[in-house]
Protein backbone atom coordinates (compact mmCIF):
# COMPACT_ATOMS: atom_id res chain seq x y z
CA MET A 1 120.28 86.57 108.01
CA ARG A 2 116.88 87.90 108.50
CA ILE A 3 114.33 85.38 108.93
CA VAL A 4 110.44 85.69 109.98
CA ILE A 5 109.99 83.04 112.85
CA ASP A 6 106.57 81.36 112.95
CA SER A 7 104.90 80.41 116.27
CA ASN A 8 105.19 76.58 115.53
CA ARG A 9 108.89 76.85 115.77
CA VAL A 10 108.87 78.79 118.69
CA LEU A 11 106.83 76.34 120.51
CA ALA A 12 108.91 73.56 119.15
CA ALA A 13 111.90 75.26 120.80
CA MET A 14 109.92 75.68 124.14
CA ILE A 15 108.91 72.08 124.48
CA LYS A 16 112.07 70.16 123.27
CA ASP A 17 115.72 70.76 123.38
CA SER A 18 116.24 70.08 119.90
CA THR A 19 117.75 71.62 116.50
CA THR A 20 114.90 73.88 116.76
CA ARG A 21 116.05 75.28 119.66
CA GLU A 22 119.65 75.36 118.46
CA ILE A 23 118.77 76.95 115.20
CA LEU A 24 116.73 79.67 117.40
CA LEU A 25 119.60 80.26 119.52
CA ASP A 26 121.94 80.71 116.72
CA SER A 27 123.45 84.21 116.37
CA PHE A 28 123.89 84.13 112.62
CA PHE A 29 120.45 84.31 112.30
CA ALA A 30 118.15 87.77 113.12
CA PHE A 31 114.67 86.46 113.75
CA ILE A 32 111.46 89.01 113.41
CA ALA A 33 107.87 88.11 114.05
CA PRO A 34 104.58 89.82 114.16
CA ASP A 35 103.58 91.12 117.34
CA PHE A 36 100.48 88.71 117.76
CA ILE A 37 103.09 85.77 118.30
CA LEU A 38 103.28 86.66 121.86
CA THR A 39 99.60 86.25 122.17
CA GLU A 40 99.67 83.09 119.97
CA VAL A 41 102.49 81.20 122.21
CA ARG A 42 100.82 82.54 125.76
CA LYS A 43 97.55 80.72 124.31
CA GLN A 44 99.83 77.51 124.41
CA LYS A 45 101.14 78.09 127.92
CA GLU A 46 99.49 74.97 129.52
CA ARG A 47 100.78 72.76 126.74
CA VAL A 48 104.18 73.58 126.99
CA LEU A 49 104.11 73.30 130.79
CA GLN A 50 102.69 69.76 130.58
CA ALA A 51 105.16 68.65 128.05
CA THR A 52 108.35 70.14 129.81
CA GLY A 53 107.29 70.44 133.58
CA LEU A 54 108.20 74.03 133.94
CA THR A 55 106.42 76.18 136.68
CA GLU A 56 104.80 79.27 135.64
CA ASN A 57 107.65 81.18 136.74
CA GLY A 58 109.92 78.89 134.65
CA PHE A 59 107.53 79.21 131.58
CA GLY A 60 107.82 83.12 131.93
CA VAL A 61 111.60 82.72 132.30
CA PHE A 62 111.80 80.75 129.26
CA LEU A 63 109.61 82.84 127.14
CA LYS A 64 111.86 85.59 128.04
CA ILE A 65 115.05 84.10 126.92
CA ILE A 66 113.49 82.82 123.48
CA PHE A 67 111.81 86.41 122.65
CA ASP A 68 115.07 87.97 123.60
CA GLN A 69 116.28 86.28 120.36
CA ILE A 70 113.16 87.59 117.92
CA GLU A 71 112.34 91.36 117.02
CA ILE A 72 108.66 91.87 117.37
CA ILE A 73 107.24 93.94 114.56
CA PRO A 74 104.21 95.95 115.36
CA GLU A 75 101.28 95.44 113.33
CA ARG A 76 101.04 99.18 112.27
CA GLU A 77 104.38 98.64 110.51
CA TYR A 78 102.89 95.34 108.33
CA ASN A 79 99.06 96.33 108.08
CA GLU A 80 99.18 97.89 105.07
CA PHE A 81 100.26 94.40 103.41
CA ILE A 82 97.21 92.67 104.90
CA GLU A 83 94.57 93.43 102.31
CA SER A 84 96.45 92.58 99.61
CA LEU A 85 97.94 89.14 100.71
CA GLN A 86 94.18 88.04 101.67
CA GLY A 87 93.87 85.36 98.97
CA ASP A 88 97.35 84.39 99.19
CA ILE A 89 97.39 81.89 102.31
CA HIS A 90 94.27 79.89 103.89
CA ASP A 91 94.67 80.44 107.50
CA SER A 92 94.01 84.26 107.98
CA ASP A 93 96.13 84.05 111.17
CA ASP A 94 99.30 83.44 109.00
CA ILE A 95 98.76 86.73 106.44
CA ALA A 96 100.71 88.78 109.35
CA TYR A 97 103.82 86.47 108.99
CA LEU A 98 103.76 87.08 105.15
CA ALA A 99 103.20 90.82 105.60
CA CYS A 100 105.89 91.18 108.46
CA CYS A 101 108.17 89.32 105.73
CA LEU A 102 107.55 91.58 103.05
CA VAL A 103 107.66 94.90 105.56
CA SER A 104 110.92 93.75 106.83
CA LYS A 105 112.38 92.67 103.56
CA ALA A 106 113.53 89.33 105.44
CA HIS A 107 114.88 86.28 103.50
CA GLY A 108 111.58 84.32 104.15
CA ILE A 109 109.69 82.32 107.02
CA TRP A 110 111.07 79.57 109.17
CA THR A 111 108.35 77.24 109.48
CA HIS A 112 107.15 73.54 109.44
CA ASP A 113 103.40 74.64 108.55
CA PRO A 114 102.55 73.40 104.82
CA HIS A 115 100.21 75.57 103.63
CA PHE A 116 102.97 78.24 103.55
CA ASN A 117 103.92 76.61 100.38
CA ASP A 118 101.05 77.23 98.63
CA GLN A 119 101.87 81.02 98.26
CA GLN A 120 104.17 82.62 96.08
CA GLN A 121 105.20 85.92 98.00
CA VAL A 122 108.01 84.73 100.48
CA ASN A 123 110.58 82.05 100.68
CA VAL A 124 109.43 79.07 103.06
CA PHE A 125 112.44 77.06 104.77
CA THR A 126 112.50 74.43 107.41
CA ASN A 127 114.78 73.37 109.81
CA ILE A 128 117.05 71.52 107.15
CA ASP A 129 117.32 74.89 105.20
CA MET A 130 118.41 76.68 108.32
CA LEU A 131 121.12 74.44 109.09
CA ARG A 132 122.24 74.86 105.52
CA PHE A 133 122.26 78.46 105.93
CA SER A 134 124.19 78.53 109.08
CA GLY A 135 126.93 76.08 108.01
CA LYS A 136 125.88 73.52 110.53
CA SER A 137 124.02 71.09 108.48
CA ARG A 138 125.19 67.46 109.74
CA SER A 139 125.18 66.10 106.23
CA ASN A 140 124.21 66.41 102.76
CA TRP A 141 120.57 66.40 103.19
């Protein structure tokens, strides 16, 4: 199942050994993201180091493990959708996620940012949705 992953899910997976990390490492999903996700995550390096106690080297290794799970889509591949999506979401940084989802024909975006729910272009999934898709839901949430 092709899913665009938002940077907040990547950061959550890096900071805590949790359901989010379990989902990110689940081979049921094929995760994709716009190329600038790398920049977004690297900007939060100090936060991740502080929260996890990782060293600089450990951060780099962990980042590689995480991004080995994500296909990066170059801007040139989704750029044609950017202008038409300008009014669909308030945070201009998130337009690239919508465009990436459309160009890659992904099933939706995995995020916990509520403003994604204001748009009508793509499906938005939370951890609960992802667990249901993979058949690993712990209950009938």
